[in-house]
Amino acid sequence: SRPDRSDRPRPEKKERPAPVAPAIDLPECDDDNAKRIIAFVSGLLQHMDSAAEVKVYEVEKGRYKVILVGERLGQLIGHRGETLDAIQQLTNYAINTSKRVRVQMDAENYRARREQSLESLARKVATKVQKYRRSVTLEPMNAYERHVIHAALQDVPGVTTYSVGTEPNRRVVVSYDRAQAR
């Protein structure tokens, strides 16, 4: 039988901080493209029963960063960012009718956090590859995530990277490179 734990103090549940829009050094944009982006994404979010707020910033001419702000946006991010990627792709398709406009979507600073975790993964795998002198094949990733891995390891001695497979199951292989290790 299990010991009685009723007398143990329970850890207090931490209050989640109120959602904060990431600090962006740009004013919110309200040009025609931004208005079209807001209209499309807001309508899409309404169909998804999400109360997220849509903020649009013009990073440079023709490149927009869209940030979804709200509580519990995990559903909009999805597993490994798949839902966020899908929303981004749909938005790009819907907005690009006449002029070429690029839209990058983010929520809860997911993109930056994912990039950090991929760089950390790359370093761990590179260490393993150098130590055991064996190739390691990573999980399938989208093009941007593969790029992050390749870039993180491009200057690591004794390690080389390349991609194998076809979308959506394309993977990065981190392999030992004897010639480079010297």
Protein backbone atom coordinates (compact mmCIF):
# COMPACT_ATOMS: atom_id res chain seq x y z
CA SER A 1 0.00 0.00 0.00
CA ARG A 2 1.07 3.59 -0.66
CA PRO A 3 2.18 5.84 2.19
CA ASP A 4 -0.21 8.54 3.29
CA ARG A 5 0.84 11.84 1.72
CA SER A 6 -1.98 14.02 2.98
CA ASP A 7 0.26 15.70 5.56
CA ARG A 8 2.87 16.78 3.01
CA PRO A 9 2.85 20.43 1.96
CA ARG A 10 1.64 20.87 -1.58
CA PRO A 11 3.65 23.01 -3.94
CA GLU A 12 1.85 26.21 -4.80
CA LYS A 13 0.63 26.52 -8.35
CA LYS A 14 2.45 29.31 -10.10
CA GLU A 15 0.37 31.98 -11.72
CA ARG A 16 1.14 32.31 -15.40
CA PRO A 17 2.29 35.81 -16.24
CA ALA A 18 -0.02 37.85 -18.40
CA PRO A 19 0.83 37.53 -22.09
CA VAL A 20 3.21 40.18 -23.26
CA ALA A 21 3.92 41.08 -26.86
CA PRO A 22 7.61 40.46 -27.54
CA ALA A 23 9.72 43.60 -27.57
CA ILE A 24 10.03 44.72 -31.17
CA ASP A 25 11.79 47.93 -31.99
CA LEU A 26 9.28 48.74 -34.70
CA PRO A 27 5.94 50.51 -34.57
CA GLU A 28 2.90 48.45 -35.46
CA CYS A 29 2.23 48.65 -39.16
CA ASP A 30 -1.12 49.62 -40.66
CA ASP A 31 -0.47 49.82 -44.41
CA ASP A 32 -2.73 47.99 -46.88
CA ASN A 33 -0.76 44.75 -46.64
CA ALA A 34 -0.90 44.83 -42.84
CA LYS A 35 -4.66 45.41 -42.96
CA ARG A 36 -5.08 42.43 -45.33
CA ILE A 37 -2.90 40.27 -43.09
CA ILE A 38 -4.89 41.25 -39.98
CA ALA A 39 -8.22 40.64 -41.73
CA PHE A 40 -7.16 37.21 -43.01
CA VAL A 41 -5.48 35.97 -39.82
CA SER A 42 -8.26 37.32 -37.57
CA GLY A 43 -10.86 35.51 -39.67
CA LEU A 44 -8.82 32.31 -39.56
CA LEU A 45 -8.39 32.57 -35.79
CA GLN A 46 -12.12 33.17 -35.39
CA HIS A 47 -12.77 29.86 -37.20
CA MET A 48 -10.27 28.23 -34.84
CA ASP A 49 -12.08 29.66 -31.77
CA SER A 50 -8.99 31.59 -30.72
CA ALA A 51 -9.11 35.01 -29.11
CA ALA A 52 -5.49 35.80 -29.99
CA GLU A 53 -4.74 39.37 -31.00
CA VAL A 54 -2.88 39.95 -34.28
CA LYS A 55 0.01 42.45 -34.31
CA VAL A 56 1.82 43.24 -37.59
CA TYR A 57 5.24 44.83 -37.99
CA GLU A 58 7.06 45.64 -41.22
CA VAL A 59 10.61 44.34 -40.72
CA GLU A 60 11.75 45.69 -44.09
CA LYS A 61 10.04 46.59 -47.36
CA GLY A 62 7.76 43.66 -48.25
CA ARG A 63 8.63 41.57 -45.14
CA TYR A 64 6.15 41.42 -42.28
CA LYS A 65 6.40 39.85 -38.85
CA VAL A 66 3.03 38.81 -37.45
CA ILE A 67 2.84 38.16 -33.73
CA LEU A 68 -0.12 36.43 -32.14
CA VAL A 69 -0.70 37.68 -28.60
CA GLY A 70 -2.96 36.06 -26.05
CA GLU A 71 -3.24 33.33 -23.47
CA ARG A 72 -2.68 29.62 -24.03
CA LEU A 73 -1.54 29.84 -27.63
CA GLY A 74 -0.17 26.30 -27.62
CA GLN A 75 -3.01 25.18 -29.89
CA LEU A 76 -1.98 27.80 -32.46
CA ILE A 77 1.67 26.76 -32.27
CA GLY A 78 0.95 23.04 -32.51
CA HIS A 79 3.38 20.15 -32.28
CA ARG A 80 6.86 21.46 -33.13
CA GLY A 81 5.30 24.59 -34.63
CA GLU A 82 3.37 22.76 -37.35
CA THR A 83 0.13 24.69 -36.85
CA LEU A 84 2.00 28.00 -36.72
CA ASP A 85 3.81 27.05 -39.96
CA ALA A 86 0.48 26.17 -41.59
CA ILE A 87 -1.09 29.48 -40.55
CA GLN A 88 1.98 31.28 -41.88
CA GLN A 89 1.80 29.45 -45.21
CA LEU A 90 -1.95 30.07 -45.61
CA THR A 91 -1.42 33.75 -44.81
CA ASN A 92 1.37 34.00 -47.40
CA TYR A 93 -0.89 32.37 -50.03
CA ALA A 94 -3.83 34.62 -49.19
CA ILE A 95 -1.86 37.88 -49.12
CA ASN A 96 0.34 37.33 -52.18
CA THR A 97 -2.04 38.20 -54.97
CA SER A 98 -0.30 41.00 -56.83
CA LYS A 99 2.97 42.00 -55.12
CA ARG A 100 5.34 39.54 -53.45
CA VAL A 101 5.06 39.93 -49.69
CA ARG A 102 6.72 37.69 -47.10
CA VAL A 103 4.98 36.98 -43.81
CA GLN A 104 6.60 35.37 -40.77
CA MET A 105 4.25 34.26 -38.00
CA ASP A 106 5.17 33.87 -34.31
CA ALA A 107 3.39 33.28 -31.00
CA GLU A 108 4.73 33.29 -27.44
CA ASN A 109 8.22 33.87 -28.90
CA TYR A 110 8.13 30.26 -30.15
CA ARG A 111 10.48 30.82 -33.11
CA ALA A 112 13.36 32.14 -30.99
CA ARG A 113 12.90 29.42 -28.36
CA ARG A 114 12.82 26.70 -31.04
CA GLU A 115 15.95 28.10 -32.68
CA GLN A 116 17.79 27.99 -29.33
CA SER A 117 16.72 24.41 -28.68
CA LEU A 118 17.80 23.35 -32.20
CA GLU A 119 21.23 24.97 -31.71
CA SER A 120 21.57 23.19 -28.38
CA LEU A 121 20.56 19.88 -29.99
CA ALA A 122 23.09 20.46 -32.78
CA ARG A 123 25.92 21.02 -30.27
CA LYS A 124 24.99 17.88 -28.27
CA VAL A 125 24.81 15.75 -31.40
CA ALA A 126 28.12 17.14 -32.71
CA THR A 127 29.81 16.22 -29.43
CA LYS A 128 28.40 12.69 -29.68
CA VAL A 129 29.49 12.37 -33.33
CA GLN A 130 33.03 13.52 -32.47
CA LYS A 131 33.25 11.18 -29.49
CA TYR A 132 31.89 8.01 -31.11
CA ARG A 133 32.82 8.82 -34.72
CA ARG A 134 29.39 7.72 -35.92
CA SER A 135 26.75 9.56 -37.94
CA VAL A 136 23.53 10.67 -36.29
CA THR A 137 20.34 11.23 -38.28
CA LEU A 138 17.96 13.75 -36.74
CA GLU A 139 14.16 13.80 -36.81
CA PRO A 140 12.40 15.23 -39.90
CA MET A 141 12.48 19.04 -39.95
CA ASN A 142 11.26 21.83 -42.18
CA ALA A 143 13.75 23.74 -44.34
CA TYR A 144 14.28 26.55 -41.84
CA GLU A 145 14.98 24.18 -38.94
CA ARG A 146 17.44 22.19 -41.07
CA HIS A 147 19.15 25.47 -41.96
CA VAL A 148 19.55 26.28 -38.24
CA ILE A 149 21.27 22.90 -37.64
CA HIS A 150 23.59 23.27 -40.67
CA ALA A 151 24.53 26.84 -39.68
CA ALA A 152 25.16 25.89 -36.04
CA LEU A 153 27.61 23.15 -37.06
CA GLN A 154 29.30 24.64 -40.12
CA ASP A 155 32.48 25.60 -38.21
CA VAL A 156 32.69 22.59 -35.89
CA PRO A 157 35.86 20.59 -36.61
CA GLY A 158 35.41 16.92 -37.41
CA VAL A 159 31.73 17.27 -38.19
CA THR A 160 29.87 17.71 -41.46
CA THR A 161 26.14 17.94 -42.12
CA TYR A 162 23.88 17.17 -45.06
CA SER A 163 20.18 16.53 -45.64
CA VAL A 164 18.57 13.32 -46.87
CA GLY A 165 15.05 12.31 -47.86
CA THR A 166 12.17 14.16 -49.41
CA GLU A 167 9.75 16.66 -47.88
CA PRO A 168 8.06 16.42 -45.43
CA ASN A 169 10.42 13.73 -44.07
CA ARG A 170 13.70 15.42 -44.94
CA ARG A 171 16.30 14.99 -42.17
CA VAL A 172 19.72 16.33 -41.28
CA VAL A 173 22.58 13.84 -40.97
CA VAL A 174 25.45 14.90 -38.72
CA SER A 175 28.49 12.81 -39.62
CA TYR A 176 32.10 12.46 -38.58
CA ASP A 177 34.58 13.90 -41.07
CA ARG A 178 38.10 12.45 -40.64
CA ALA A 179 39.66 14.96 -43.03
CA GLN A 180 38.19 17.89 -41.12
CA ALA A 181 39.06 16.49 -37.68
CA ARG A 182 42.82 17.03 -38.10
